[in-house]
């Protein structure tokens, strides 16, 4: 029997609104339809009315989980535009913050993954291990999330020498937990049965979809912006890119667990080799031109583009988040799988929908701005059309959904 199963836009599986439409026959998924656009906040348009320093704070609000990924990419873009390089000490501090965020993001995902498969013990363990990471961020920046550390030309806060031993000791305290997760992944037969050979993506699938980060590396695609296009202090420390082979949900988890070990090693090296000196070039203005910035966020490459006319605000600011690319892998990975496995596949790419959704309205090949009144009018017309298709009285539908403003 063929049927359609909706997941979203509001669903316990999803922390943010998105809509997935599973076309199934019996228990098997024949087709997947993805609809985005439920979480648009106009970040790119807002950036055009902000100063360059304000833009860093604005893009930090794109996402809470990867709240330093966008500022790092933005700082890289603005420094590319200005033709400058941040001081060495600032580059090391950026690396520390970026890897602490990778730790907390992967631990958050691992806990949710356990919750989705009914392994709530793993959920509690992972989130307990995540707390010390957030404590470190609070000690360094004053905030558990949204750290406000990045700026064009450096960082806003220095690392105190007296805090470094405490940070290293706290990192030591979570190493046994990560070893435990690694051992559980290797040894637990339930995890193997539940996750292996589920949602397989081949290297060819990665190339077609343009997938990034752990989603690509789990399929044996050896890419990582930290190594391939070095920035911050990533070319000054020893670490390795973790690459899987099977491309299934199991390998996506395996890659992330091993990446956490690498992140701890990177942080420790940066803290022990932290060079002295300034942390900020105190950049005052931006020249006309273009700049691009990239950062290997926990989900993959985060890309920022800025266009300047020499004024205090950007003419255009464009962002491409990794989840925008990784979402399309679900079309391939979910096809032919069971409904129960499809929900795991959708979560396996660690999607961040608020990072994904920054739409531009295009008409006749040109970008145009739509004001609030016009958006209400478009919404009203769509409501009337849907009411007509469903055979519902249009006026009662509009009244139920509120009057036109």
Protein backbone atom coordinates (compact mmCIF):
# COMPACT_ATOMS: atom_id res chain seq x y z
CA UNK A 1 0.00 0.00 0.00
CA UNK A 2 1.39 3.38 -1.01
CA UNK A 3 1.08 6.29 1.36
CA UNK A 4 2.73 9.55 2.37
CA UNK A 5 4.24 10.05 5.82
CA UNK A 6 4.96 13.67 6.80
CA UNK A 7 7.85 14.42 9.13
CA UNK A 8 7.66 18.06 10.21
CA UNK A 9 7.64 20.92 9.95
CA UNK A 10 7.35 20.35 13.73
CA UNK A 11 8.41 16.92 14.92
CA UNK A 12 10.12 15.47 18.04
CA UNK A 13 12.99 14.25 15.83
CA UNK A 14 13.79 17.79 14.73
CA UNK A 15 15.01 20.61 16.91
CA UNK A 16 14.07 23.13 14.22
CA UNK A 17 11.25 23.33 11.67
CA UNK A 18 11.72 21.53 8.35
CA UNK A 19 9.40 19.37 6.27
CA UNK A 20 10.19 15.90 4.91
CA UNK A 21 7.59 14.00 2.95
CA UNK A 22 8.21 10.24 2.80
CA UNK A 23 6.49 8.47 -0.09
CA UNK A 24 6.35 4.86 1.04
CA UNK A 25 5.04 1.51 -0.10
CA UNK A 26 4.51 -0.63 2.95
CA UNK A 27 7.54 0.13 5.10
CA UNK A 28 9.91 1.08 2.27
CA UNK A 29 10.67 4.63 1.22
CA UNK A 30 10.23 5.10 -2.53
CA UNK A 31 10.78 8.84 -2.68
CA UNK A 32 11.63 11.75 -0.41
CA UNK A 33 10.44 15.33 -0.81
CA UNK A 34 12.24 18.06 1.15
CA UNK A 35 10.67 21.47 1.69
CA UNK A 36 12.66 24.25 3.33
CA UNK A 37 11.77 27.83 4.16
CA UNK A 38 10.16 27.57 7.61
CA UNK A 39 12.92 29.36 9.50
CA UNK A 40 14.01 32.32 7.37
CA UNK A 41 15.25 35.39 9.28
CA UNK A 42 16.82 37.53 6.55
CA UNK A 43 20.36 37.45 7.93
CA UNK A 44 22.03 38.27 4.61
CA UNK A 45 19.78 41.28 3.97
CA UNK A 46 20.23 42.53 7.53
CA UNK A 47 24.02 42.39 7.07
CA UNK A 48 23.77 45.09 4.40
CA UNK A 49 22.55 47.57 7.04
CA UNK A 50 25.18 46.68 9.67
CA UNK A 51 28.75 47.84 10.11
CA UNK A 52 31.44 45.24 9.50
CA UNK A 53 31.97 44.81 13.23
CA UNK A 54 28.22 44.34 13.75
CA UNK A 55 28.12 41.72 10.99
CA UNK A 56 30.28 39.42 13.14
CA UNK A 57 27.70 39.57 15.95
CA UNK A 58 24.85 39.13 13.46
CA UNK A 59 26.19 35.97 11.82
CA UNK A 60 26.96 34.56 15.28
CA UNK A 61 23.17 34.48 15.80
CA UNK A 62 22.59 32.25 12.78
CA UNK A 63 23.01 29.17 14.96
CA UNK A 64 23.62 28.41 18.62
CA UNK A 65 25.41 25.08 18.13
CA UNK A 66 27.88 26.44 15.54
CA UNK A 67 27.87 29.99 16.85
CA UNK A 68 31.60 30.50 16.33
CA UNK A 69 31.79 28.81 12.93
CA UNK A 70 30.09 31.69 11.12
CA UNK A 71 32.12 34.40 12.94
CA UNK A 72 35.40 32.62 12.08
CA UNK A 73 34.38 32.38 8.41
CA UNK A 74 33.22 36.01 8.51
CA UNK A 75 36.50 37.18 10.05
CA UNK A 76 38.42 35.25 7.39
CA UNK A 77 36.30 36.89 4.66
CA UNK A 78 36.80 40.41 6.02
CA UNK A 79 40.54 39.87 6.42
CA UNK A 80 40.70 38.57 2.85
CA UNK A 81 38.89 41.73 1.74
CA UNK A 82 41.27 43.96 3.72
CA UNK A 83 44.37 42.01 2.70
CA UNK A 84 45.51 41.45 6.29
CA UNK A 85 46.36 38.55 8.59
CA UNK A 86 45.42 38.44 12.25
CA UNK A 87 48.21 38.27 14.87
CA UNK A 88 49.67 34.83 15.62
CA UNK A 89 48.24 34.70 19.15
CA UNK A 90 44.77 35.48 17.81
CA UNK A 91 45.07 32.67 15.25
CA UNK A 92 45.83 30.17 18.01
CA UNK A 93 42.91 31.42 20.11
CA UNK A 94 40.56 31.08 17.11
CA UNK A 95 41.69 27.49 16.69
CA UNK A 96 41.04 26.71 20.35
CA UNK A 97 37.52 28.17 20.22
CA UNK A 98 36.73 26.45 16.92
CA UNK A 99 37.76 23.03 18.23
CA UNK A 100 35.96 23.46 21.55
CA UNK A 101 32.84 24.14 19.53
CA UNK A 102 33.44 21.01 17.44
CA UNK A 103 33.66 19.02 20.67
CA UNK A 104 30.40 20.37 22.06
CA UNK A 105 28.59 20.03 18.72
CA UNK A 106 29.67 16.40 18.18
CA UNK A 107 28.79 15.48 21.77
CA UNK A 108 25.37 17.11 21.36
CA UNK A 109 24.77 15.15 18.11
CA UNK A 110 25.99 11.90 19.66
CA UNK A 111 23.57 12.29 22.56
CA UNK A 112 20.66 13.00 20.24
CA UNK A 113 21.63 10.04 18.07
CA UNK A 114 21.40 7.80 21.13
CA UNK A 115 18.02 9.29 21.99
CA UNK A 116 16.68 8.68 18.47
CA UNK A 117 17.49 4.96 18.61
CA UNK A 118 16.18 4.55 22.16
CA UNK A 119 19.67 4.44 23.70
CA UNK A 120 18.96 7.09 26.32
CA UNK A 121 21.91 6.08 28.47
CA UNK A 122 24.20 7.24 25.67
CA UNK A 123 22.22 10.47 25.49
CA UNK A 124 22.78 11.20 29.19
CA UNK A 125 26.47 10.20 29.05
CA UNK A 126 27.21 12.36 26.00
CA UNK A 127 25.45 15.42 27.36
CA UNK A 128 27.15 15.01 30.71
CA UNK A 129 30.53 14.96 28.93
CA UNK A 130 29.50 18.07 27.00
CA UNK A 131 29.01 20.13 30.17
CA UNK A 132 32.74 20.52 30.96
CA UNK A 133 33.30 21.74 27.39
CA UNK A 134 30.68 24.44 27.90
CA UNK A 135 32.27 25.26 31.27
CA UNK A 136 35.56 25.87 29.45
CA UNK A 137 33.84 28.16 26.96
CA UNK A 138 32.25 30.09 29.81
CA UNK A 139 35.59 30.43 31.59
CA UNK A 140 37.33 31.68 28.41
CA UNK A 141 34.63 33.89 26.91
CA UNK A 142 31.99 34.45 29.58
CA UNK A 143 29.36 32.52 27.61
CA UNK A 144 28.40 28.88 27.19
CA UNK A 145 27.16 29.67 23.68
CA UNK A 146 27.54 32.72 21.43
CA UNK A 147 31.07 33.43 22.61
CA UNK A 148 31.56 36.84 20.94
CA UNK A 149 35.29 36.13 20.53
CA UNK A 150 35.86 36.84 16.82
CA UNK A 151 36.45 40.10 14.99
CA UNK A 152 38.12 41.19 11.78
CA UNK A 153 41.80 41.50 12.53
CA UNK A 154 41.91 39.29 15.62
CA UNK A 155 39.88 38.23 18.65
CA UNK A 156 38.08 40.24 21.33
CA UNK A 157 39.41 38.49 24.43
CA UNK A 158 42.76 37.03 25.37
CA UNK A 159 43.34 33.69 27.07
CA UNK A 160 44.57 34.16 30.64
CA UNK A 161 47.73 32.25 31.54
CA UNK A 162 46.19 31.16 34.86
CA UNK A 163 43.22 29.56 33.05
CA UNK A 164 45.28 27.30 30.77
CA UNK A 165 46.18 24.60 33.39
CA UNK A 166 42.52 24.39 34.41
CA UNK A 167 41.41 24.05 30.77
CA UNK A 168 43.93 21.27 30.14
CA UNK A 169 42.84 19.45 33.32
CA UNK A 170 39.17 19.75 32.33
CA UNK A 171 39.92 18.35 28.87
CA UNK A 172 41.70 15.42 30.54
CA UNK A 173 38.53 14.73 32.53
CA UNK A 174 36.43 14.07 29.41
CA UNK A 175 38.96 11.85 27.61
CA UNK A 176 37.70 8.68 29.39
CA UNK A 177 34.15 9.51 28.29
CA UNK A 178 35.16 9.82 24.64
CA UNK A 179 37.13 6.56 24.93
CA UNK A 180 33.97 4.99 26.34
CA UNK A 181 31.89 6.20 23.39
CA UNK A 182 34.52 4.87 20.98
CA UNK A 183 34.53 1.48 22.73
CA UNK A 184 30.71 1.34 22.78
CA UNK A 185 30.62 2.08 19.06
CA UNK A 186 33.18 -0.64 18.37
CA UNK A 187 31.68 -3.31 20.64
CA UNK A 188 27.93 -2.80 21.02
CA UNK A 189 26.13 -5.31 18.75
CA UNK A 190 22.88 -3.33 18.96
CA UNK A 191 24.54 -0.23 17.52
CA UNK A 192 26.09 -2.32 14.76
CA UNK A 193 22.76 -3.91 13.82
CA UNK A 194 20.94 -0.58 13.98
CA UNK A 195 23.42 1.63 12.16
CA UNK A 196 25.56 -0.40 9.77
CA UNK A 197 24.56 -0.57 6.09
CA UNK A 198 21.86 2.04 6.73
CA UNK A 199 21.67 5.12 4.48
CA UNK A 200 24.80 4.28 2.50
CA UNK A 201 26.35 7.07 0.42
CA UNK A 202 29.09 6.28 -2.08
CA UNK A 203 31.90 8.70 -3.01
CA UNK A 204 30.03 9.23 -6.29
CA UNK A 205 26.93 10.26 -4.31
CA UNK A 206 29.04 12.76 -2.37
CA UNK A 207 30.38 14.22 -5.61
CA UNK A 208 26.87 14.56 -7.09
CA UNK A 209 25.37 16.23 -4.02
CA UNK A 210 28.41 18.27 -3.00
CA UNK A 211 28.17 16.97 0.57
CA UNK A 212 30.66 18.23 3.15
CA UNK A 213 32.23 17.50 6.51
CA UNK A 214 31.69 14.21 8.38
CA UNK A 215 28.94 13.30 5.89
CA UNK A 216 31.52 13.25 3.08
CA UNK A 217 34.39 11.86 5.12
CA UNK A 218 32.27 8.92 6.31
CA UNK A 219 32.05 7.87 2.64
CA UNK A 220 35.82 7.90 2.18
CA UNK A 221 36.04 11.40 0.67
CA UNK A 222 39.18 12.93 2.18
CA UNK A 223 38.30 16.65 2.41
CA UNK A 224 38.81 19.15 5.22
CA UNK A 225 39.27 22.90 4.79
CA UNK A 226 41.47 23.06 7.88
CA UNK A 227 44.09 21.03 6.01
CA UNK A 228 43.27 21.76 2.36
CA UNK A 229 43.12 25.57 2.70
CA UNK A 230 44.90 26.21 6.03
CA UNK A 231 43.82 29.14 8.20
CA UNK A 232 44.07 30.06 11.89
CA UNK A 233 46.74 27.79 13.45
CA UNK A 234 45.76 24.50 11.84
CA UNK A 235 48.99 24.29 9.84
CA UNK A 236 51.05 24.82 13.02
CA UNK A 237 49.85 21.75 14.95
CA UNK A 238 49.83 18.00 14.34
CA UNK A 239 46.50 16.32 13.63
CA UNK A 240 44.87 14.06 11.07
CA UNK A 241 41.67 14.05 9.05
CA UNK A 242 39.38 11.19 10.09
CA UNK A 243 38.02 9.35 7.05
CA UNK A 244 35.59 6.42 7.04
CA UNK A 245 34.79 4.03 4.21
CA UNK A 246 31.29 2.53 4.43
CA UNK A 247 29.32 5.78 4.06
CA UNK A 248 26.55 4.51 6.36
CA UNK A 249 25.09 5.98 9.55
CA UNK A 250 27.56 3.95 11.62
CA UNK A 251 30.57 5.53 9.92
CA UNK A 252 29.08 9.00 10.32
CA UNK A 253 29.04 8.37 14.07
CA UNK A 254 32.51 6.76 14.02
CA UNK A 255 34.05 9.75 12.21
CA UNK A 256 32.61 12.21 14.72
CA UNK A 257 33.79 10.25 17.76
CA UNK A 258 37.35 10.08 16.44
CA UNK A 259 37.24 13.74 15.42
CA UNK A 260 36.60 14.62 19.06
CA UNK A 261 39.91 12.99 20.00
CA UNK A 262 41.68 15.01 17.32
CA UNK A 263 40.01 18.20 18.55
CA UNK A 264 41.31 17.66 22.08
CA UNK A 265 44.81 17.12 20.69
CA UNK A 266 44.62 20.32 18.63
CA UNK A 267 43.43 22.37 21.63
CA UNK A 268 46.17 20.99 23.88
CA UNK A 269 48.90 21.79 21.34
CA UNK A 270 47.57 25.33 20.81
CA UNK A 271 47.40 26.06 24.53
CA UNK A 272 50.93 24.77 25.16
CA UNK A 273 52.40 26.64 22.19
CA UNK A 274 50.35 29.83 22.55
CA UNK A 275 52.64 32.61 21.30
CA UNK A 276 52.91 35.97 23.06
CA UNK A 277 51.86 39.24 21.47
CA UNK A 278 48.86 41.25 20.39
CA UNK A 279 45.45 39.73 19.71
CA UNK A 280 43.90 42.49 17.58
CA UNK A 281 45.06 44.67 14.66
CA UNK A 282 42.31 47.22 15.49
CA UNK A 283 41.11 47.46 11.91
CA UNK A 284 39.24 50.74 11.34
CA UNK A 285 37.88 50.57 7.78
CA UNK A 286 37.40 48.30 4.80
CA UNK A 287 38.56 48.96 1.24
CA UNK A 288 36.31 48.34 -1.78
CA UNK A 289 36.51 44.83 -3.19
CA UNK A 290 35.53 41.25 -2.44
CA UNK A 291 36.52 38.75 0.19
CA UNK A 292 35.81 35.10 0.93
CA UNK A 293 36.16 33.22 4.20
CA UNK A 294 35.99 29.50 4.90
CA UNK A 295 35.89 27.46 8.08
CA UNK A 296 35.52 23.74 8.70
CA UNK A 297 32.45 23.85 10.93
CA UNK A 298 31.37 20.68 12.80
CA UNK A 299 29.08 19.84 9.85
CA UNK A 300 31.50 20.80 7.07
CA UNK A 301 32.77 23.83 5.19
CA UNK A 302 31.12 27.13 6.09
CA UNK A 303 31.56 29.69 3.28
CA UNK A 304 31.13 33.49 3.57
CA UNK A 305 31.37 36.08 0.79
CA UNK A 306 31.47 39.86 1.24
CA UNK A 307 31.28 42.66 -1.34
CA UNK A 308 32.42 46.15 -0.27
CA UNK A 309 32.18 49.58 -1.89
CA UNK A 310 34.50 51.12 0.70
CA UNK A 311 31.70 52.31 2.99
CA UNK A 312 31.11 51.17 6.56
CA UNK A 313 28.57 48.46 5.54
CA UNK A 314 28.81 45.61 3.03
CA UNK A 315 27.01 45.95 -0.29
CA UNK A 316 26.32 42.22 -0.33
CA UNK A 317 26.88 39.44 2.16
CA UNK A 318 26.37 35.80 1.17
CA UNK A 319 26.58 32.70 3.35
CA UNK A 320 26.56 29.02 2.44
CA UNK A 321 26.25 26.68 5.39
CA UNK A 322 27.21 22.98 5.16
CA UNK A 323 23.73 21.67 5.99
CA UNK A 324 22.43 23.28 2.79
CA UNK A 325 24.68 20.88 0.86
CA UNK A 326 24.28 17.86 3.13
CA UNK A 327 20.46 17.92 3.11
CA UNK A 328 20.33 16.77 -0.51
CA UNK A 329 22.10 13.50 0.35
CA UNK A 330 18.85 12.37 1.98
CA UNK A 331 17.25 12.00 -1.45
CA UNK A 332 19.72 9.19 -2.14
CA UNK A 333 20.36 7.78 1.34
CA UNK A 334 16.68 7.37 2.36
CA UNK A 335 15.49 5.75 -0.87
CA UNK A 336 14.79 2.04 -0.39
CA UNK A 337 15.18 2.18 3.40
CA UNK A 338 12.52 1.47 6.02
CA UNK A 339 10.58 4.30 7.63
CA UNK A 340 12.34 3.63 10.96
CA UNK A 341 15.75 3.87 9.32
CA UNK A 342 14.80 6.93 7.25
CA UNK A 343 14.37 9.00 10.41
CA UNK A 344 17.91 8.07 11.49
CA UNK A 345 19.25 8.93 8.05
CA UNK A 346 17.67 12.39 8.16
CA UNK A 347 19.37 13.04 11.50
CA UNK A 348 22.71 11.43 10.57
CA UNK A 349 23.92 14.46 8.61
CA UNK A 350 23.54 16.52 11.82
CA UNK A 351 21.33 19.06 10.05
CA UNK A 352 21.20 22.69 11.15
CA UNK A 353 18.17 24.28 9.51
CA UNK A 354 18.62 27.79 10.89
CA UNK A 355 22.07 27.80 9.22
CA UNK A 356 20.52 26.58 5.98
CA UNK A 357 17.69 29.02 5.52
CA UNK A 358 18.56 32.44 4.18
CA UNK A 359 16.55 32.72 0.96
CA UNK A 360 16.83 35.34 -1.76
CA UNK A 361 13.67 36.11 -3.73
CA UNK A 362 14.52 36.05 -7.44
CA UNK A 363 12.36 37.35 -10.28
CA UNK A 364 13.54 37.58 -13.86
CA UNK A 365 17.09 36.82 -12.80
CA UNK A 366 17.31 39.83 -10.47
CA UNK A 367 17.21 40.00 -6.70
CA UNK A 368 14.44 42.09 -5.15
CA UNK A 369 13.35 43.00 -1.65
CA UNK A 370 9.85 42.10 -0.39
CA UNK A 371 8.38 44.13 2.45
CA UNK A 372 6.08 42.81 5.18
CA UNK A 373 2.85 43.87 3.49
CA UNK A 374 3.79 42.05 0.29
CA UNK A 375 4.67 38.90 2.24
CA UNK A 376 1.24 39.00 3.92
CA UNK A 377 -0.42 39.36 0.51
CA UNK A 378 1.52 36.35 -0.85
CA UNK A 379 0.53 34.34 2.21
CA UNK A 380 -3.14 35.32 1.79
CA UNK A 381 -3.18 34.23 -1.85
CA UNK A 382 -1.60 30.89 -0.99
CA UNK A 383 -4.15 30.33 1.81
CA UNK A 384 -7.01 31.00 -0.61
CA UNK A 385 -5.52 28.65 -3.20
CA UNK A 386 -5.05 25.84 -0.68
CA UNK A 387 -8.56 26.37 0.70
CA UNK A 388 -9.95 26.06 -2.82
CA UNK A 389 -8.01 22.84 -3.46
CA UNK A 390 -9.19 21.35 -0.16
CA UNK A 391 -12.80 22.45 -0.61
CA UNK A 392 -12.73 24.64 2.50
CA UNK A 393 -14.65 27.92 2.79
CA UNK A 394 -11.96 30.56 2.02
CA UNK A 395 -13.24 33.28 4.36
CA UNK A 396 -13.50 30.97 7.36
CA UNK A 397 -9.94 29.80 6.68
CA UNK A 398 -8.63 33.36 6.61
CA UNK A 399 -10.51 34.25 9.81
CA UNK A 400 -9.12 31.19 11.56
CA UNK A 401 -5.57 32.11 10.54
CA UNK A 402 -5.93 35.73 11.57
CA UNK A 403 -6.93 38.94 9.80
CA UNK A 404 -4.85 40.55 7.11
CA UNK A 405 -2.54 43.20 8.54
